[in-house]
Amino acid sequence: MSEPVSGDAVEIPAWAWEREEIREALRTRDAGAILRFAQQYGGASQSRIAAATGLLQGRVNEIVRGRRSVVRFDVFERIAQGLLMPDHARLLMGLAPRRLRSYGVRDLMDHPQVAAVALTKPEAAAEIREVAAGADAVDVVGVRALGLLALGDSLLRGPLTRRGRPPARMRLLLLHPESPAVARIAEEVGETPRFFASSLRFAEDMLGALAEEGTIHLEVYRYRTTPVWRLVRLDGAAFVSVIGPPADPRGSLVYRLSATPPGSVLYGFDRWFEAMLGEAERVI
């Protein structure tokens, strides 16, 4: 391999690095997909990619065509340099950022574990439905799940019950109707504790009917602690938001968490879910 020529670096628009297909290619270190991305969005020929990365043109051709894979980090580093890869993309691929940054909220938003941020739950809904459509294992921590699964038009109902797909395995944790937390949550949503507890039982009835249909392998559990986080875990992706924020309840940020290294945030939520499940009471 020759040294990359900095003047031949491939420039790719910043918005293109936010596309989900390239983010997935970076997470899985799919060098062929990354180079094809550079051809599509950077308008680069194989010879230009070769000059920018210091790879032989024949090698680039083999990678693009899927005839050769890349496993060495020094080669990924050459690709990153040649494509002027931004730091958030480098981190997704497991490479160190080009420059050190001070800690702060903006840095958290750019951290590879936080793969996406939506301002509201409605903004995140389309992506959640898309991921749910192909998910085999689903874990949810909610409050009563009326908007998540219990009702016919709820967020996960359509993607998980569509005709022709294999039944997903789902573990759903709901607030216990006799939990001391019922009064607090009822006050936050402007309902009486009695009505709120009744709605929790209604949700369980609706979920019981869904479980009998057999379109989902559904397990429902009750927990008694005060809910803080709403979690929707779909195979390797997790969407989390805060339960009970002030003002408009739809205004809570929704974070999509990634398992990219070091992955400690997602691991923390995985561990939290299993702890909640271990102390919960199964009702369905």
Protein backbone atom coordinates (compact mmCIF):
# COMPACT_ATOMS: atom_id res chain seq x y z
CA MET A 1 0.00 0.00 0.00
CA SER A 2 1.20 3.47 -0.84
CA GLU A 3 0.70 6.53 1.33
CA PRO A 4 -2.58 8.43 0.82
CA VAL A 5 -2.34 11.74 -1.01
CA SER A 6 -4.07 14.40 1.08
CA GLY A 7 -4.89 16.54 -1.92
CA ASP A 8 -6.95 13.71 -3.39
CA ALA A 9 -9.18 13.28 -0.32
CA VAL A 10 -12.81 12.54 -1.15
CA GLU A 11 -15.24 15.13 0.20
CA ILE A 12 -18.67 13.84 1.19
CA PRO A 13 -21.52 16.14 2.35
CA ALA A 14 -21.98 16.22 6.11
CA TRP A 15 -25.65 15.26 5.84
CA ALA A 16 -24.78 12.07 3.97
CA TRP A 17 -22.87 10.73 7.00
CA GLU A 18 -26.14 10.82 8.95
CA ARG A 19 -27.87 8.34 6.64
CA GLU A 20 -28.77 5.10 8.39
CA GLU A 21 -27.21 2.85 5.72
CA ILE A 22 -23.74 4.36 6.19
CA ARG A 23 -24.12 4.37 9.98
CA GLU A 24 -24.88 0.64 9.82
CA ALA A 25 -21.91 0.05 7.50
CA LEU A 26 -19.66 1.89 9.95
CA ARG A 27 -20.97 -0.08 12.94
CA THR A 28 -20.34 -3.39 11.16
CA ARG A 29 -17.09 -2.17 9.53
CA ASP A 30 -18.37 -3.09 6.07
CA ALA A 31 -15.55 -1.58 4.00
CA GLY A 32 -17.21 -2.40 0.69
CA ALA A 33 -20.38 -0.53 1.65
CA ILE A 34 -18.31 2.41 2.92
CA LEU A 35 -16.41 2.71 -0.37
CA ARG A 36 -19.60 2.38 -2.42
CA PHE A 37 -21.04 5.16 -0.24
CA ALA A 38 -18.02 7.30 -1.17
CA GLN A 39 -18.67 6.63 -4.84
CA GLN A 40 -22.35 7.55 -4.56
CA TYR A 41 -22.17 10.62 -2.33
CA GLY A 42 -18.64 11.82 -3.04
CA GLY A 43 -18.74 11.21 -6.78
CA ALA A 44 -15.41 9.41 -6.48
CA SER A 45 -14.05 6.89 -8.93
CA GLN A 46 -12.15 3.83 -7.74
CA SER A 47 -8.88 5.41 -8.87
CA ARG A 48 -9.58 8.53 -6.84
CA ILE A 49 -10.49 6.46 -3.78
CA ALA A 50 -7.23 4.56 -4.23
CA ALA A 51 -5.24 7.80 -4.34
CA ALA A 52 -7.08 9.21 -1.33
CA THR A 53 -6.66 6.11 0.83
CA GLY A 54 -3.28 4.86 -0.31
CA LEU A 55 -4.76 1.54 -1.42
CA LEU A 56 -3.98 -0.08 -4.74
CA GLN A 57 -6.76 0.44 -7.28
CA GLY A 58 -7.08 -3.32 -7.73
CA ARG A 59 -7.54 -3.70 -4.00
CA VAL A 60 -10.22 -0.99 -3.98
CA ASN A 61 -12.01 -2.81 -6.81
CA GLU A 62 -12.00 -6.08 -4.88
CA ILE A 63 -13.35 -4.39 -1.73
CA VAL A 64 -16.09 -2.55 -3.62
CA ARG A 65 -17.19 -5.75 -5.34
CA GLY A 66 -17.22 -7.69 -2.06
CA ARG A 67 -14.41 -10.01 -3.14
CA ARG A 68 -12.11 -8.89 -0.32
CA SER A 69 -12.93 -7.87 3.22
CA VAL A 70 -11.03 -5.48 5.48
CA VAL A 71 -10.12 -6.44 9.04
CA ARG A 72 -7.00 -4.39 9.79
CA PHE A 73 -7.49 -1.15 11.70
CA ASP A 74 -4.68 0.59 9.85
CA VAL A 75 -6.61 0.06 6.61
CA PHE A 76 -9.80 1.42 8.18
CA GLU A 77 -7.74 4.41 9.35
CA ARG A 78 -6.54 5.03 5.79
CA ILE A 79 -10.13 4.85 4.54
CA ALA A 80 -11.27 7.26 7.26
CA GLN A 81 -8.52 9.74 6.42
CA GLY A 82 -9.07 9.49 2.69
CA LEU A 83 -12.82 10.13 3.03
CA LEU A 84 -12.35 12.97 5.55
CA MET A 85 -14.58 10.99 7.86
CA PRO A 86 -16.08 13.14 10.65
CA ASP A 87 -15.42 12.17 14.26
CA HIS A 88 -18.87 10.77 14.95
CA ALA A 89 -18.45 8.43 11.96
CA ARG A 90 -14.93 7.43 13.04
CA LEU A 91 -16.23 6.56 16.50
CA LEU A 92 -19.01 4.41 15.05
CA MET A 93 -16.30 2.39 13.28
CA GLY A 94 -14.24 2.11 16.46
CA LEU A 95 -11.54 4.64 15.49
CA ALA A 96 -10.30 7.43 17.72
CA PRO A 97 -11.59 10.94 16.94
CA ARG A 98 -9.30 13.31 15.08
CA ARG A 99 -9.42 15.88 17.85
CA LEU A 100 -10.08 15.76 21.56
CA ARG A 101 -13.13 17.60 22.87
CA SER A 102 -14.14 18.84 26.27
CA TYR A 103 -16.99 17.00 27.94
CA GLY A 104 -20.49 18.42 27.78
CA VAL A 105 -24.00 17.87 26.53
CA ARG A 106 -23.07 18.39 22.87
CA ASP A 107 -20.35 15.77 23.16
CA LEU A 108 -22.86 13.29 24.59
CA MET A 109 -25.11 13.87 21.58
CA ASP A 110 -22.17 13.04 19.28
CA HIS A 111 -21.03 9.99 21.27
CA PRO A 112 -21.26 6.77 19.26
CA GLN A 113 -23.47 5.11 21.87
CA VAL A 114 -26.14 7.72 21.18
CA ALA A 115 -26.92 6.88 17.57
CA ALA A 116 -29.86 9.29 17.18
CA VAL A 117 -31.86 11.85 19.11
CA ALA A 118 -35.46 12.84 18.39
CA LEU A 119 -37.01 15.90 19.99
CA THR A 120 -40.33 14.17 20.66
CA LYS A 121 -41.80 10.68 20.73
CA PRO A 122 -43.87 11.33 17.59
CA GLU A 123 -40.66 12.21 15.73
CA ALA A 124 -39.09 8.92 16.82
CA ALA A 125 -42.17 6.83 16.07
CA ALA A 126 -41.43 6.22 12.39
CA GLU A 127 -37.94 4.87 13.10
CA ILE A 128 -39.18 2.71 15.98
CA ARG A 129 -41.86 1.16 13.76
CA GLU A 130 -39.31 0.50 11.02
CA VAL A 131 -36.91 -1.27 13.38
CA ALA A 132 -39.74 -3.16 15.10
CA ALA A 133 -40.96 -4.58 11.78
CA GLY A 134 -37.89 -6.82 11.59
CA ALA A 135 -37.21 -7.42 15.29
CA ASP A 136 -37.24 -10.93 16.75
CA ALA A 137 -36.82 -10.00 20.43
CA VAL A 138 -38.59 -7.03 22.01
CA ASP A 139 -38.25 -5.78 25.58
CA VAL A 140 -40.33 -2.87 26.85
CA VAL A 141 -40.56 -0.96 30.11
CA GLY A 142 -43.58 1.32 30.09
CA VAL A 143 -46.31 2.50 32.42
CA ARG A 144 -49.55 1.11 30.98
CA ALA A 145 -48.49 0.61 27.33
CA LEU A 146 -51.75 1.89 25.87
CA GLY A 147 -49.81 3.90 23.30
CA LEU A 148 -47.10 1.26 22.89
CA LEU A 149 -48.98 -2.01 22.37
CA ALA A 150 -52.32 -2.40 24.16
CA LEU A 151 -54.51 -0.50 21.68
CA GLY A 152 -55.10 -1.37 18.04
CA ASP A 153 -53.36 1.74 16.68
CA SER A 154 -50.51 1.76 19.20
CA LEU A 155 -46.87 2.23 18.21
CA LEU A 156 -45.69 -1.39 18.13
CA ARG A 157 -48.95 -3.20 17.41
CA GLY A 158 -48.87 -2.91 13.61
CA PRO A 159 -45.19 -3.77 13.02
CA LEU A 160 -45.27 -6.74 15.41
CA THR A 161 -48.58 -8.24 14.30
CA ARG A 162 -48.50 -7.73 10.55
CA ARG A 163 -49.56 -10.74 8.55
CA GLY A 164 -46.81 -13.07 7.38
CA ARG A 165 -44.07 -12.17 9.84
CA PRO A 166 -42.81 -14.73 12.39
CA PRO A 167 -44.08 -14.03 15.93
CA ALA A 168 -41.66 -11.88 17.91
CA ARG A 169 -40.83 -12.69 21.52
CA MET A 170 -41.81 -9.77 23.74
CA ARG A 171 -41.31 -9.09 27.45
CA LEU A 172 -43.37 -6.12 28.63
CA LEU A 173 -43.09 -4.51 32.06
CA LEU A 174 -46.05 -2.41 33.30
CA LEU A 175 -46.69 -0.49 36.49
CA HIS A 176 -48.56 -2.52 39.12
CA PRO A 177 -52.07 -1.06 39.67
CA GLU A 178 -51.53 -1.31 43.43
CA SER A 179 -48.09 0.31 43.42
CA PRO A 180 -47.56 3.39 45.62
CA ALA A 181 -46.29 5.09 42.47
CA VAL A 182 -49.79 5.10 40.93
CA ALA A 183 -50.83 8.24 42.82
CA ARG A 184 -47.74 10.15 41.69
CA ILE A 185 -48.01 9.18 38.03
CA ALA A 186 -51.77 9.82 38.04
CA GLU A 187 -51.15 13.35 39.30
CA GLU A 188 -48.54 13.95 36.60
CA VAL A 189 -50.95 12.98 33.82
CA GLY A 190 -53.96 14.72 35.37
CA GLU A 191 -55.98 11.64 36.32
CA THR A 192 -57.34 10.35 39.61
CA PRO A 193 -55.42 7.44 41.16
CA ARG A 194 -58.54 5.26 40.98
CA PHE A 195 -59.04 5.92 37.26
CA PHE A 196 -55.34 5.45 36.54
CA ALA A 197 -55.26 2.10 38.36
CA SER A 198 -58.34 1.02 36.41
CA SER A 199 -56.61 1.95 33.15
CA LEU A 200 -53.65 -0.24 34.12
CA ARG A 201 -55.99 -3.20 34.58
CA PHE A 202 -57.73 -2.37 31.30
CA ALA A 203 -54.36 -2.41 29.53
CA GLU A 204 -53.61 -5.83 30.99
CA ASP A 205 -56.96 -7.14 29.72
CA MET A 206 -56.22 -5.84 26.23
CA LEU A 207 -52.74 -7.37 26.29
CA GLY A 208 -54.16 -10.68 27.49
CA ALA A 209 -56.45 -10.76 24.45
CA LEU A 210 -53.49 -9.98 22.20
CA ALA A 211 -51.44 -12.80 23.73
CA GLU A 212 -54.27 -15.25 23.00
CA GLU A 213 -54.19 -14.32 19.31
CA GLY A 214 -50.69 -15.81 19.02
CA THR A 215 -49.31 -13.11 16.73
CA ILE A 216 -46.74 -12.27 19.45
CA HIS A 217 -45.13 -14.50 22.08
CA LEU A 218 -46.07 -12.03 24.78
CA GLU A 219 -45.06 -12.03 28.44
CA VAL A 220 -46.39 -9.23 30.67
CA TYR A 221 -44.98 -8.38 34.09
CA ARG A 222 -45.90 -5.90 36.85
CA TYR A 223 -43.33 -3.78 38.67
CA ARG A 224 -43.93 -1.61 41.77
CA THR A 225 -41.13 0.97 41.68
CA THR A 226 -41.62 4.53 40.46
CA PRO A 227 -41.03 4.51 36.69
CA VAL A 228 -38.26 6.80 35.44
CA TRP A 229 -37.23 5.51 32.01
CA ARG A 230 -39.39 4.29 29.14
CA LEU A 231 -37.43 1.62 27.25
CA VAL A 232 -38.15 -0.03 23.90
CA ARG A 233 -35.40 -2.54 23.06
CA LEU A 234 -35.62 -4.10 19.60
CA ASP A 235 -32.92 -6.75 19.11
CA GLY A 236 -29.70 -4.70 19.30
CA ALA A 237 -31.29 -1.23 19.23
CA ALA A 238 -32.76 0.57 22.22
CA PHE A 239 -34.94 3.69 22.38
CA VAL A 240 -35.16 5.40 25.75
CA SER A 241 -36.96 8.46 27.07
CA VAL A 242 -37.82 9.91 30.46
CA ILE A 243 -41.22 9.15 31.96
CA GLY A 244 -43.10 12.03 33.52
CA PRO A 245 -41.24 15.16 32.35
CA PRO A 246 -42.76 18.53 33.21
CA ALA A 247 -45.10 20.32 30.80
CA ASP A 248 -45.97 18.45 27.59
CA PRO A 249 -45.28 14.71 28.12
CA ARG A 250 -44.48 14.37 24.40
CA GLY A 251 -41.57 16.76 24.79
CA SER A 252 -39.15 14.24 26.27
CA LEU A 253 -36.08 13.55 24.16
CA VAL A 254 -35.96 10.06 22.67
CA TYR A 255 -32.46 8.55 22.43
CA ARG A 256 -31.53 5.65 20.18
CA LEU A 257 -28.68 3.80 21.86
CA SER A 258 -26.05 1.86 19.97
CA ALA A 259 -23.88 -1.05 21.05
CA THR A 260 -20.76 0.49 19.49
CA PRO A 261 -17.66 0.48 21.75
CA PRO A 262 -17.54 1.04 24.65
CA GLY A 263 -21.32 0.51 24.73
CA SER A 264 -21.59 1.13 28.49
CA VAL A 265 -24.80 3.18 28.24
CA LEU A 266 -26.69 0.42 26.41
CA TYR A 267 -25.18 -2.18 28.74
CA GLY A 268 -26.48 -0.17 31.70
CA PHE A 269 -30.03 -0.22 30.35
CA ASP A 270 -29.74 -3.94 29.55
CA ARG A 271 -28.67 -4.60 33.13
CA TRP A 272 -31.44 -2.36 34.49
CA PHE A 273 -34.09 -4.21 32.46
CA GLU A 274 -32.96 -7.60 33.72
CA ALA A 275 -32.96 -6.32 37.31
CA MET A 276 -36.50 -4.96 36.87
CA LEU A 277 -37.62 -8.24 35.33
CA GLY A 278 -36.14 -10.25 38.18
CA GLU A 279 -38.23 -8.37 40.75
CA ALA A 280 -41.43 -8.21 38.68
CA GLU A 281 -44.58 -10.34 38.90
CA ARG A 282 -45.67 -12.12 35.74
CA VAL A 283 -49.38 -11.71 34.95
CA ILE A 284 -49.56 -12.90 31.32
